[in-house]
Structures are given as structure tokens and as C-alpha cells.
Amino acid sequence: HASGLVAAVVAGIVTGRRAPRVLSARNRLSDSQNWRTVELVLEGAV
């Protein structure tokens, strides 16, 4: 009974801040490209 949207946002902030120090360059590039596609499709569907 908490806010799922806030939980997703906080998880995103933590990931965005720490990922460049933790994940490899190849993984970050893959994330960036694929998430841009997901954003485009979901925003358009909305």
C-alpha cells in the first residue's frame, strides 16, 4: 500500500547514479539503446 511509482523512480535514480561505476561500457550502451526503444514504444502507445 505504498507508491509503486515512487519506488520505480527511486530505483531509477540509484541505478543512474551508480551504473557508470559498476556496469561495463558495453552493458551501459546496450541499456541506453534498448531503453530508448522501450520509451518510444510505450510513450507512443499511451
All heavy atoms as atom14 arrays in JSON, in Angstrom:
{
  "sequence": "HASGLVAAVVAGIVTGRRAPRVLSARNRLSDSQNWRTVELVLEGAV",
  "atom14_mask": [
    [1, 1, 1, 1, 1, 1, 1, 1, 1, 1, 0, 0, 0, 0],
    [1, 1, 1, 1, 1, 0, 0, 0, 0, 0, 0, 0, 0, 0],
    [1, 1, 1, 1, 1, 1, 0, 0, 0, 0, 0, 0, 0, 0],
    [1, 1, 1, 1, 0, 0, 0, 0, 0, 0, 0, 0, 0, 0],
    [1, 1, 1, 1, 1, 1, 1, 1, 0, 0, 0, 0, 0, 0],
    [1, 1, 1, 1, 1, 1, 1, 0, 0, 0, 0, 0, 0, 0],
    [1, 1, 1, 1, 1, 0, 0, 0, 0, 0, 0, 0, 0, 0],
    [1, 1, 1, 1, 1, 0, 0, 0, 0, 0, 0, 0, 0, 0],
    [1, 1, 1, 1, 1, 1, 1, 0, 0, 0, 0, 0, 0, 0],
    [1, 1, 1, 1, 1, 1, 1, 0, 0, 0, 0, 0, 0, 0],
    [1, 1, 1, 1, 1, 0, 0, 0, 0, 0, 0, 0, 0, 0],
    [1, 1, 1, 1, 0, 0, 0, 0, 0, 0, 0, 0, 0, 0],
    [1, 1, 1, 1, 1, 1, 1, 1, 0, 0, 0, 0, 0, 0],
    [1, 1, 1, 1, 1, 1, 1, 0, 0, 0, 0, 0, 0, 0],
    [1, 1, 1, 1, 1, 1, 1, 0, 0, 0, 0, 0, 0, 0],
    [1, 1, 1, 1, 0, 0, 0, 0, 0, 0, 0, 0, 0, 0],
    [1, 1, 1, 1, 1, 1, 1, 1, 1, 1, 1, 0, 0, 0],
    [1, 1, 1, 1, 1, 1, 1, 1, 1, 1, 1, 0, 0, 0],
    [1, 1, 1, 1, 1, 0, 0, 0, 0, 0, 0, 0, 0, 0],
    [1, 1, 1, 1, 1, 1, 1, 0, 0, 0, 0, 0, 0, 0],
    [1, 1, 1, 1, 1, 1, 1, 1, 1, 1, 1, 0, 0, 0],
    [1, 1, 1, 1, 1, 1, 1, 0, 0, 0, 0, 0, 0, 0],
    [1, 1, 1, 1, 1, 1, 1, 1, 0, 0, 0, 0, 0, 0],
    [1, 1, 1, 1, 1, 1, 0, 0, 0, 0, 0, 0, 0, 0],
    [1, 1, 1, 1, 1, 0, 0, 0, 0, 0, 0, 0, 0, 0],
    [1, 1, 1, 1, 1, 1, 1, 1, 1, 1, 1, 0, 0, 0],
    [1, 1, 1, 1, 1, 1, 1, 1, 0, 0, 0, 0, 0, 0],
    [1, 1, 1, 1, 1, 1, 1, 1, 1, 1, 1, 0, 0, 0],
    [1, 1, 1, 1, 1, 1, 1, 1, 0, 0, 0, 0, 0, 0],
    [1, 1, 1, 1, 1, 1, 0, 0, 0, 0, 0, 0, 0, 0],
    [1, 1, 1, 1, 1, 1, 1, 1, 0, 0, 0, 0, 0, 0],
    [1, 1, 1, 1, 1, 1, 0, 0, 0, 0, 0, 0, 0, 0],
    [1, 1, 1, 1, 1, 1, 1, 1, 1, 0, 0, 0, 0, 0],
    [1, 1, 1, 1, 1, 1, 1, 1, 0, 0, 0, 0, 0, 0],
    [1, 1, 1, 1, 1, 1, 1, 1, 1, 1, 1, 1, 1, 1],
    [1, 1, 1, 1, 1, 1, 1, 1, 1, 1, 1, 0, 0, 0],
    [1, 1, 1, 1, 1, 1, 1, 0, 0, 0, 0, 0, 0, 0],
    [1, 1, 1, 1, 1, 1, 1, 0, 0, 0, 0, 0, 0, 0],
    [1, 1, 1, 1, 1, 1, 1, 1, 1, 0, 0, 0, 0, 0],
    [1, 1, 1, 1, 1, 1, 1, 1, 0, 0, 0, 0, 0, 0],
    [1, 1, 1, 1, 1, 1, 1, 0, 0, 0, 0, 0, 0, 0],
    [1, 1, 1, 1, 1, 1, 1, 1, 0, 0, 0, 0, 0, 0],
    [1, 1, 1, 1, 1, 1, 1, 1, 1, 0, 0, 0, 0, 0],
    [1, 1, 1, 1, 0, 0, 0, 0, 0, 0, 0, 0, 0, 0],
    [1, 1, 1, 1, 1, 0, 0, 0, 0, 0, 0, 0, 0, 0],
    [1, 1, 1, 1, 1, 1, 1, 0, 0, 0, 0, 0, 0, 0]
  ],
  "atom14_positions": [
    [[0.82, -1.22, 0.0], [0.0, 0.0, 0.0], [0.85, 1.27, 0.0], [0.44, 2.3, 0.52], [-0.97, 0.02, 1.18], [-1.84, -1.2, 1.26], [-2.85, -1.46, 0.37], [-1.81, -2.27, 2.11], [-3.44, -2.62, 0.67], [-2.82, -3.13, 1.71], [0.0, 0.0, 0.0], [0.0, 0.0, 0.0], [0.0, 0.0, 0.0], [0.0, 0.0, 0.0]],
    [[2.05, 1.16, -0.59], [2.9, 2.32, -0.8], [2.83, 2.69, -2.27], [2.09, 2.08, -3.05], [4.33, 2.03, -0.37], [0.0, 0.0, 0.0], [0.0, 0.0, 0.0], [0.0, 0.0, 0.0], [0.0, 0.0, 0.0], [0.0, 0.0, 0.0], [0.0, 0.0, 0.0], [0.0, 0.0, 0.0], [0.0, 0.0, 0.0], [0.0, 0.0, 0.0]],
    [[3.6, 3.68, -2.68], [3.56, 4.15, -4.06], [4.54, 3.36, -4.91], [5.76, 3.51, -4.79], [3.9, 5.65, -4.13], [4.03, 6.06, -5.47], [0.0, 0.0, 0.0], [0.0, 0.0, 0.0], [0.0, 0.0, 0.0], [0.0, 0.0, 0.0], [0.0, 0.0, 0.0], [0.0, 0.0, 0.0], [0.0, 0.0, 0.0], [0.0, 0.0, 0.0]],
    [[4.0, 2.54, -5.81], [4.86, 1.8, -6.71], [5.61, 2.71, -7.67], [6.73, 2.41, -8.07], [0.0, 0.0, 0.0], [0.0, 0.0, 0.0], [0.0, 0.0, 0.0], [0.0, 0.0, 0.0], [0.0, 0.0, 0.0], [0.0, 0.0, 0.0], [0.0, 0.0, 0.0], [0.0, 0.0, 0.0], [0.0, 0.0, 0.0], [0.0, 0.0, 0.0]],
    [[5.0, 3.84, -8.05], [5.65, 4.76, -8.97], [6.87, 5.41, -8.33], [7.92, 5.55, -8.95], [4.66, 5.82, -9.45], [3.42, 5.28, -10.18], [2.54, 6.43, -10.65], [3.82, 4.41, -11.36], [0.0, 0.0, 0.0], [0.0, 0.0, 0.0], [0.0, 0.0, 0.0], [0.0, 0.0, 0.0], [0.0, 0.0, 0.0], [0.0, 0.0, 0.0]],
    [[6.74, 5.82, -7.07], [7.88, 6.42, -6.37], [9.0, 5.38, -6.21], [10.18, 5.7, -6.36], [7.46, 6.98, -5.0], [8.67, 7.38, -4.17], [6.54, 8.18, -5.18], [0.0, 0.0, 0.0], [0.0, 0.0, 0.0], [0.0, 0.0, 0.0], [0.0, 0.0, 0.0], [0.0, 0.0, 0.0], [0.0, 0.0, 0.0], [0.0, 0.0, 0.0]],
    [[8.63, 4.14, -5.91], [9.63, 3.08, -5.78], [10.4, 2.91, -7.08], [11.63, 2.76, -7.08], [8.97, 1.77, -5.37], [0.0, 0.0, 0.0], [0.0, 0.0, 0.0], [0.0, 0.0, 0.0], [0.0, 0.0, 0.0], [0.0, 0.0, 0.0], [0.0, 0.0, 0.0], [0.0, 0.0, 0.0], [0.0, 0.0, 0.0], [0.0, 0.0, 0.0]],
    [[9.7, 2.92, -8.22], [10.36, 2.79, -9.52], [11.28, 3.98, -9.79], [12.39, 3.82, -10.32], [9.32, 2.67, -10.63], [0.0, 0.0, 0.0], [0.0, 0.0, 0.0], [0.0, 0.0, 0.0], [0.0, 0.0, 0.0], [0.0, 0.0, 0.0], [0.0, 0.0, 0.0], [0.0, 0.0, 0.0], [0.0, 0.0, 0.0], [0.0, 0.0, 0.0]],
    [[10.84, 5.18, -9.41], [11.65, 6.38, -9.61], [12.94, 6.32, -8.78], [14.03, 6.59, -9.27], [10.85, 7.65, -9.26], [11.75, 8.87, -9.17], [9.75, 7.88, -10.29], [0.0, 0.0, 0.0], [0.0, 0.0, 0.0], [0.0, 0.0, 0.0], [0.0, 0.0, 0.0], [0.0, 0.0, 0.0], [0.0, 0.0, 0.0], [0.0, 0.0, 0.0]],
    [[12.81, 5.94, -7.5], [13.99, 5.88, -6.63], [14.96, 4.81, -7.14], [16.19, 5.02, -7.16], [13.57, 5.59, -5.18], [14.79, 5.35, -4.29], [12.75, 6.76, -4.63], [0.0, 0.0, 0.0], [0.0, 0.0, 0.0], [0.0, 0.0, 0.0], [0.0, 0.0, 0.0], [0.0, 0.0, 0.0], [0.0, 0.0, 0.0], [0.0, 0.0, 0.0]],
    [[14.44, 3.67, -7.57], [15.3, 2.63, -8.14], [16.03, 3.16, -9.36], [17.22, 2.87, -9.57], [14.48, 1.39, -8.51], [0.0, 0.0, 0.0], [0.0, 0.0, 0.0], [0.0, 0.0, 0.0], [0.0, 0.0, 0.0], [0.0, 0.0, 0.0], [0.0, 0.0, 0.0], [0.0, 0.0, 0.0], [0.0, 0.0, 0.0], [0.0, 0.0, 0.0]],
    [[15.35, 3.97, -10.17], [15.99, 4.56, -11.34], [17.06, 5.56, -10.98], [18.13, 5.6, -11.62], [0.0, 0.0, 0.0], [0.0, 0.0, 0.0], [0.0, 0.0, 0.0], [0.0, 0.0, 0.0], [0.0, 0.0, 0.0], [0.0, 0.0, 0.0], [0.0, 0.0, 0.0], [0.0, 0.0, 0.0], [0.0, 0.0, 0.0], [0.0, 0.0, 0.0]],
    [[16.82, 6.4, -9.98], [17.83, 7.38, -9.56], [19.07, 6.67, -9.04], [20.21, 7.05, -9.38], [17.23, 8.31, -8.48], [16.14, 9.21, -9.1], [18.32, 9.17, -7.86], [15.4, 10.05, -8.1], [0.0, 0.0, 0.0], [0.0, 0.0, 0.0], [0.0, 0.0, 0.0], [0.0, 0.0, 0.0], [0.0, 0.0, 0.0], [0.0, 0.0, 0.0]],
    [[18.88, 5.64, -8.21], [20.03, 4.89, -7.68], [20.8, 4.23, -8.81], [22.04, 4.27, -8.87], [19.55, 3.83, -6.66], [20.7, 2.92, -6.25], [18.95, 4.51, -5.43], [0.0, 0.0, 0.0], [0.0, 0.0, 0.0], [0.0, 0.0, 0.0], [0.0, 0.0, 0.0], [0.0, 0.0, 0.0], [0.0, 0.0, 0.0], [0.0, 0.0, 0.0]],
    [[20.08, 3.63, -9.75], [20.74, 2.96, -10.87], [21.49, 3.97, -11.74], [22.64, 3.73, -12.12], [19.7, 2.22, -11.73], [19.02, 1.25, -10.92], [20.36, 1.5, -12.89], [0.0, 0.0, 0.0], [0.0, 0.0, 0.0], [0.0, 0.0, 0.0], [0.0, 0.0, 0.0], [0.0, 0.0, 0.0], [0.0, 0.0, 0.0], [0.0, 0.0, 0.0]],
    [[20.86, 5.09, -12.06], [21.51, 6.07, -12.91], [22.76, 6.65, -12.3], [23.74, 6.94, -13.01], [0.0, 0.0, 0.0], [0.0, 0.0, 0.0], [0.0, 0.0, 0.0], [0.0, 0.0, 0.0], [0.0, 0.0, 0.0], [0.0, 0.0, 0.0], [0.0, 0.0, 0.0], [0.0, 0.0, 0.0], [0.0, 0.0, 0.0], [0.0, 0.0, 0.0]],
    [[22.76, 6.81, -10.99], [23.93, 7.39, -10.33], [25.07, 6.39, -10.19], [26.24, 6.75, -10.32], [23.53, 7.91, -8.95], [24.63, 8.68, -8.25], [24.11, 9.35, -6.98], [25.16, 10.13, -6.34], [26.04, 9.66, -5.49], [26.03, 8.37, -5.18], [26.96, 10.44, -4.95], [0.0, 0.0, 0.0], [0.0, 0.0, 0.0], [0.0, 0.0, 0.0]],
    [[24.76, 5.13, -9.93], [25.79, 4.14, -9.63], [26.24, 3.33, -10.85], [27.35, 2.81, -10.86], [25.26, 3.16, -8.57], [24.98, 3.79, -7.22], [26.24, 3.95, -6.42], [26.92, 2.66, -6.25], [28.18, 2.53, -5.87], [28.9, 3.61, -5.64], [28.74, 1.34, -5.74], [0.0, 0.0, 0.0], [0.0, 0.0, 0.0], [0.0, 0.0, 0.0]],
    [[25.41, 3.23, -11.87], [25.72, 2.34, -13.0], [27.05, 2.66, -13.68], [27.8, 1.72, -14.02], [24.58, 2.37, -14.03], [0.0, 0.0, 0.0], [0.0, 0.0, 0.0], [0.0, 0.0, 0.0], [0.0, 0.0, 0.0], [0.0, 0.0, 0.0], [0.0, 0.0, 0.0], [0.0, 0.0, 0.0], [0.0, 0.0, 0.0], [0.0, 0.0, 0.0]],
    [[27.42, 3.92, -13.92], [28.7, 4.17, -14.59], [29.92, 3.67, -13.8], [30.97, 3.44, -14.39], [28.74, 5.71, -14.71], [27.29, 6.12, -14.71], [26.63, 5.16, -13.78], [0.0, 0.0, 0.0], [0.0, 0.0, 0.0], [0.0, 0.0, 0.0], [0.0, 0.0, 0.0], [0.0, 0.0, 0.0], [0.0, 0.0, 0.0], [0.0, 0.0, 0.0]],
    [[29.78, 3.5, -12.51], [30.89, 2.99, -11.7], [30.84, 1.47, -11.57], [31.83, 0.86, -11.14], [30.88, 3.61, -10.3], [31.09, 5.12, -10.28], [31.21, 5.6, -8.84], [31.27, 7.05, -8.74], [32.39, 7.77, -8.81], [33.54, 7.16, -9.0], [32.37, 9.08, -8.71], [0.0, 0.0, 0.0], [0.0, 0.0, 0.0], [0.0, 0.0, 0.0]],
    [[29.71, 0.86, -11.89], [29.51, -0.56, -11.61], [29.44, -1.4, -12.88], [30.06, -2.46, -12.98], [28.24, -0.77, -10.76], [27.94, -2.25, -10.58], [28.37, -0.09, -9.41], [0.0, 0.0, 0.0], [0.0, 0.0, 0.0], [0.0, 0.0, 0.0], [0.0, 0.0, 0.0], [0.0, 0.0, 0.0], [0.0, 0.0, 0.0], [0.0, 0.0, 0.0]],
    [[28.69, -0.93, -13.88], [28.46, -1.71, -15.09], [29.52, -1.42, -16.14], [30.09, -0.33, -16.18], [27.07, -1.42, -15.65], [25.88, -1.66, -14.72], [24.57, -1.37, -15.45], [25.89, -3.09, -14.2], [0.0, 0.0, 0.0], [0.0, 0.0, 0.0], [0.0, 0.0, 0.0], [0.0, 0.0, 0.0], [0.0, 0.0, 0.0], [0.0, 0.0, 0.0]],
    [[29.73, -2.38, -17.0], [30.71, -2.2, -18.08], [30.17, -1.25, -19.13], [28.97, -1.0, -19.22], [31.03, -3.55, -18.73], [29.91, -4.02, -19.46], [0.0, 0.0, 0.0], [0.0, 0.0, 0.0], [0.0, 0.0, 0.0], [0.0, 0.0, 0.0], [0.0, 0.0, 0.0], [0.0, 0.0, 0.0], [0.0, 0.0, 0.0], [0.0, 0.0, 0.0]],
    [[31.09, -0.72, -19.96], [30.68, 0.21, -21.02], [29.73, -0.46, -22.0], [28.75, 0.14, -22.45], [31.92, 0.72, -21.75], [0.0, 0.0, 0.0], [0.0, 0.0, 0.0], [0.0, 0.0, 0.0], [0.0, 0.0, 0.0], [0.0, 0.0, 0.0], [0.0, 0.0, 0.0], [0.0, 0.0, 0.0], [0.0, 0.0, 0.0], [0.0, 0.0, 0.0]],
    [[29.99, -1.72, -22.33], [29.13, -2.44, -23.27], [27.71, -2.6, -22.7], [26.72, -2.43, -23.42], [29.74, -3.8, -23.58], [29.15, -4.47, -24.81], [29.75, -5.87, -24.94], [31.2, -5.81, -25.09], [31.82, -5.73, -26.26], [31.12, -5.69, -27.37], [33.14, -5.71, -26.31], [0.0, 0.0, 0.0], [0.0, 0.0, 0.0], [0.0, 0.0, 0.0]],
    [[27.62, -2.92, -21.42], [26.29, -3.07, -20.8], [25.55, -1.74, -20.75], [24.34, -1.69, -20.98], [26.45, -3.63, -19.38], [26.84, -5.09, -19.38], [26.74, -5.77, -20.41], [27.31, -5.59, -18.24], [0.0, 0.0, 0.0], [0.0, 0.0, 0.0], [0.0, 0.0, 0.0], [0.0, 0.0, 0.0], [0.0, 0.0, 0.0], [0.0, 0.0, 0.0]],
    [[26.25, -0.66, -20.44], [25.59, 0.65, -20.39], [25.1, 1.08, -21.76], [24.01, 1.65, -21.9], [26.55, 1.7, -19.81], [26.86, 1.51, -18.35], [27.48, 2.77, -17.76], [28.72, 3.14, -18.43], [29.9, 2.65, -18.13], [30.02, 1.75, -17.16], [30.99, 3.05, -18.77], [0.0, 0.0, 0.0], [0.0, 0.0, 0.0], [0.0, 0.0, 0.0]],
    [[25.9, 0.82, -22.79], [25.47, 1.16, -24.15], [24.24, 0.36, -24.55], [23.29, 0.9, -25.15], [26.61, 0.91, -25.14], [26.3, 1.22, -26.6], [25.99, 2.7, -26.78], [27.48, 0.81, -27.5], [0.0, 0.0, 0.0], [0.0, 0.0, 0.0], [0.0, 0.0, 0.0], [0.0, 0.0, 0.0], [0.0, 0.0, 0.0], [0.0, 0.0, 0.0]],
    [[24.24, -0.92, -24.25], [23.07, -1.77, -24.55], [21.84, -1.26, -23.82], [20.75, -1.17, -24.4], [23.36, -3.22, -24.15], [22.22, -4.03, -24.33], [0.0, 0.0, 0.0], [0.0, 0.0, 0.0], [0.0, 0.0, 0.0], [0.0, 0.0, 0.0], [0.0, 0.0, 0.0], [0.0, 0.0, 0.0], [0.0, 0.0, 0.0], [0.0, 0.0, 0.0]],
    [[21.99, -0.92, -22.54], [20.88, -0.37, -21.76], [20.32, 0.89, -22.42], [19.1, 1.03, -22.6], [21.35, -0.02, -20.34], [21.17, -1.18, -19.38], [20.93, -2.3, -19.87], [21.28, -0.97, -18.17], [0.0, 0.0, 0.0], [0.0, 0.0, 0.0], [0.0, 0.0, 0.0], [0.0, 0.0, 0.0], [0.0, 0.0, 0.0], [0.0, 0.0, 0.0]],
    [[21.2, 1.8, -22.76], [20.78, 3.09, -23.3], [20.0, 2.91, -24.59], [18.92, 3.49, -24.77], [22.01, 3.96, -23.55], [21.66, 5.17, -24.17], [0.0, 0.0, 0.0], [0.0, 0.0, 0.0], [0.0, 0.0, 0.0], [0.0, 0.0, 0.0], [0.0, 0.0, 0.0], [0.0, 0.0, 0.0], [0.0, 0.0, 0.0], [0.0, 0.0, 0.0]],
    [[20.51, 2.1, -25.51], [19.85, 1.93, -26.8], [18.5, 1.22, -26.65], [17.5, 1.64, -27.26], [20.76, 1.13, -27.73], [22.02, 1.89, -28.14], [22.97, 1.04, -28.96], [22.95, -0.2, -28.88], [23.82, 1.68, -29.74], [0.0, 0.0, 0.0], [0.0, 0.0, 0.0], [0.0, 0.0, 0.0], [0.0, 0.0, 0.0], [0.0, 0.0, 0.0]],
    [[18.46, 0.16, -25.87], [17.21, -0.61, -25.74], [16.15, 0.16, -24.96], [14.96, 0.08, -25.29], [17.5, -1.96, -25.09], [18.18, -2.92, -26.04], [17.56, -3.47, -26.93], [19.48, -3.11, -25.87], [0.0, 0.0, 0.0], [0.0, 0.0, 0.0], [0.0, 0.0, 0.0], [0.0, 0.0, 0.0], [0.0, 0.0, 0.0], [0.0, 0.0, 0.0]],
    [[16.56, 0.89, -23.92], [15.57, 1.64, -23.15], [15.0, 2.81, -23.95], [13.85, 3.19, -23.76], [16.17, 2.12, -21.83], [16.0, 1.13, -20.74], [16.94, 0.29, -20.23], [14.81, 0.84, -20.02], [16.41, -0.49, -19.23], [15.1, -0.18, -19.08], [13.5, 1.35, -20.06], [14.14, -0.7, -18.21], [12.55, 0.83, -19.2], [12.87, -0.18, -18.29]],
    [[15.79, 3.4, -24.87], [15.24, 4.44, -25.73], [14.14, 3.87, -26.62], [13.13, 4.53, -26.87], [16.35, 5.06, -26.59], [17.16, 6.11, -25.85], [17.85, 7.05, -26.82], [18.83, 6.36, -27.64], [20.11, 6.23, -27.32], [20.56, 6.73, -26.16], [20.95, 5.61, -28.12], [0.0, 0.0, 0.0], [0.0, 0.0, 0.0], [0.0, 0.0, 0.0]],
    [[14.34, 2.64, -27.09], [13.3, 1.99, -27.89], [12.05, 1.73, -27.06], [10.92, 1.97, -27.51], [13.83, 0.66, -28.46], [15.02, 0.9, -29.22], [12.79, -0.01, -29.35], [0.0, 0.0, 0.0], [0.0, 0.0, 0.0], [0.0, 0.0, 0.0], [0.0, 0.0, 0.0], [0.0, 0.0, 0.0], [0.0, 0.0, 0.0], [0.0, 0.0, 0.0]],
    [[12.24, 1.24, -25.84], [11.1, 0.99, -24.95], [10.33, 2.28, -24.68], [9.09, 2.32, -24.72], [11.59, 0.35, -23.63], [10.46, 0.31, -22.61], [12.12, -1.06, -23.88], [0.0, 0.0, 0.0], [0.0, 0.0, 0.0], [0.0, 0.0, 0.0], [0.0, 0.0, 0.0], [0.0, 0.0, 0.0], [0.0, 0.0, 0.0], [0.0, 0.0, 0.0]],
    [[11.05, 3.36, -24.39], [10.41, 4.65, -24.15], [9.58, 5.09, -25.34], [8.43, 5.53, -25.2], [11.45, 5.71, -23.84], [12.0, 5.67, -22.43], [12.91, 6.85, -22.16], [13.13, 7.67, -23.08], [13.4, 6.97, -21.03], [0.0, 0.0, 0.0], [0.0, 0.0, 0.0], [0.0, 0.0, 0.0], [0.0, 0.0, 0.0], [0.0, 0.0, 0.0]],
    [[10.16, 4.98, -26.54], [9.45, 5.41, -27.75], [8.16, 4.64, -27.93], [7.09, 5.23, -28.19], [10.36, 5.21, -28.97], [9.74, 5.52, -30.33], [9.42, 7.01, -30.44], [10.68, 5.1, -31.45], [0.0, 0.0, 0.0], [0.0, 0.0, 0.0], [0.0, 0.0, 0.0], [0.0, 0.0, 0.0], [0.0, 0.0, 0.0], [0.0, 0.0, 0.0]],
    [[8.2, 3.33, -27.76], [7.01, 2.49, -27.98], [5.96, 2.75, -26.9], [4.78, 2.95, -27.21], [7.41, 1.0, -28.01], [6.16, 0.12, -28.03], [8.28, 0.71, -29.21], [0.0, 0.0, 0.0], [0.0, 0.0, 0.0], [0.0, 0.0, 0.0], [0.0, 0.0, 0.0], [0.0, 0.0, 0.0], [0.0, 0.0, 0.0], [0.0, 0.0, 0.0]],
    [[6.37, 2.78, -25.64], [5.39, 2.96, -24.56], [4.78, 4.35, -24.58], [3.56, 4.5, -24.39], [6.06, 2.69, -23.21], [6.48, 1.25, -22.92], [7.07, 1.13, -21.52], [5.3, 0.3, -23.07], [0.0, 0.0, 0.0], [0.0, 0.0, 0.0], [0.0, 0.0, 0.0], [0.0, 0.0, 0.0], [0.0, 0.0, 0.0], [0.0, 0.0, 0.0]],
    [[5.6, 5.39, -24.8], [5.04, 6.73, -24.86], [4.07, 6.85, -26.03], [2.98, 7.43, -25.9], [6.17, 7.76, -25.01], [6.98, 7.97, -23.75], [8.08, 8.98, -23.95], [8.2, 9.52, -25.08], [8.82, 9.26, -22.99], [0.0, 0.0, 0.0], [0.0, 0.0, 0.0], [0.0, 0.0, 0.0], [0.0, 0.0, 0.0], [0.0, 0.0, 0.0]],
    [[4.47, 6.32, -27.18], [3.57, 6.37, -28.32], [2.27, 5.62, -28.07], [1.18, 6.08, -28.44], [0.0, 0.0, 0.0], [0.0, 0.0, 0.0], [0.0, 0.0, 0.0], [0.0, 0.0, 0.0], [0.0, 0.0, 0.0], [0.0, 0.0, 0.0], [0.0, 0.0, 0.0], [0.0, 0.0, 0.0], [0.0, 0.0, 0.0], [0.0, 0.0, 0.0]],
    [[2.36, 4.44, -27.43], [1.16, 3.66, -27.13], [0.23, 4.42, -26.18], [-1.0, 4.38, -26.34], [1.55, 2.32, -26.52], [0.0, 0.0, 0.0], [0.0, 0.0, 0.0], [0.0, 0.0, 0.0], [0.0, 0.0, 0.0], [0.0, 0.0, 0.0], [0.0, 0.0, 0.0], [0.0, 0.0, 0.0], [0.0, 0.0, 0.0], [0.0, 0.0, 0.0]],
    [[0.8, 5.13, -25.22], [-0.02, 5.9, -24.28], [-0.83, 6.95, -25.02], [-2.05, 7.1, -24.81], [0.88, 6.56, -23.21], [0.11, 7.65, -22.46], [1.38, 5.51, -22.23], [0.0, 0.0, 0.0], [0.0, 0.0, 0.0], [0.0, 0.0, 0.0], [0.0, 0.0, 0.0], [0.0, 0.0, 0.0], [0.0, 0.0, 0.0], [0.0, 0.0, 0.0]]
  ]
}
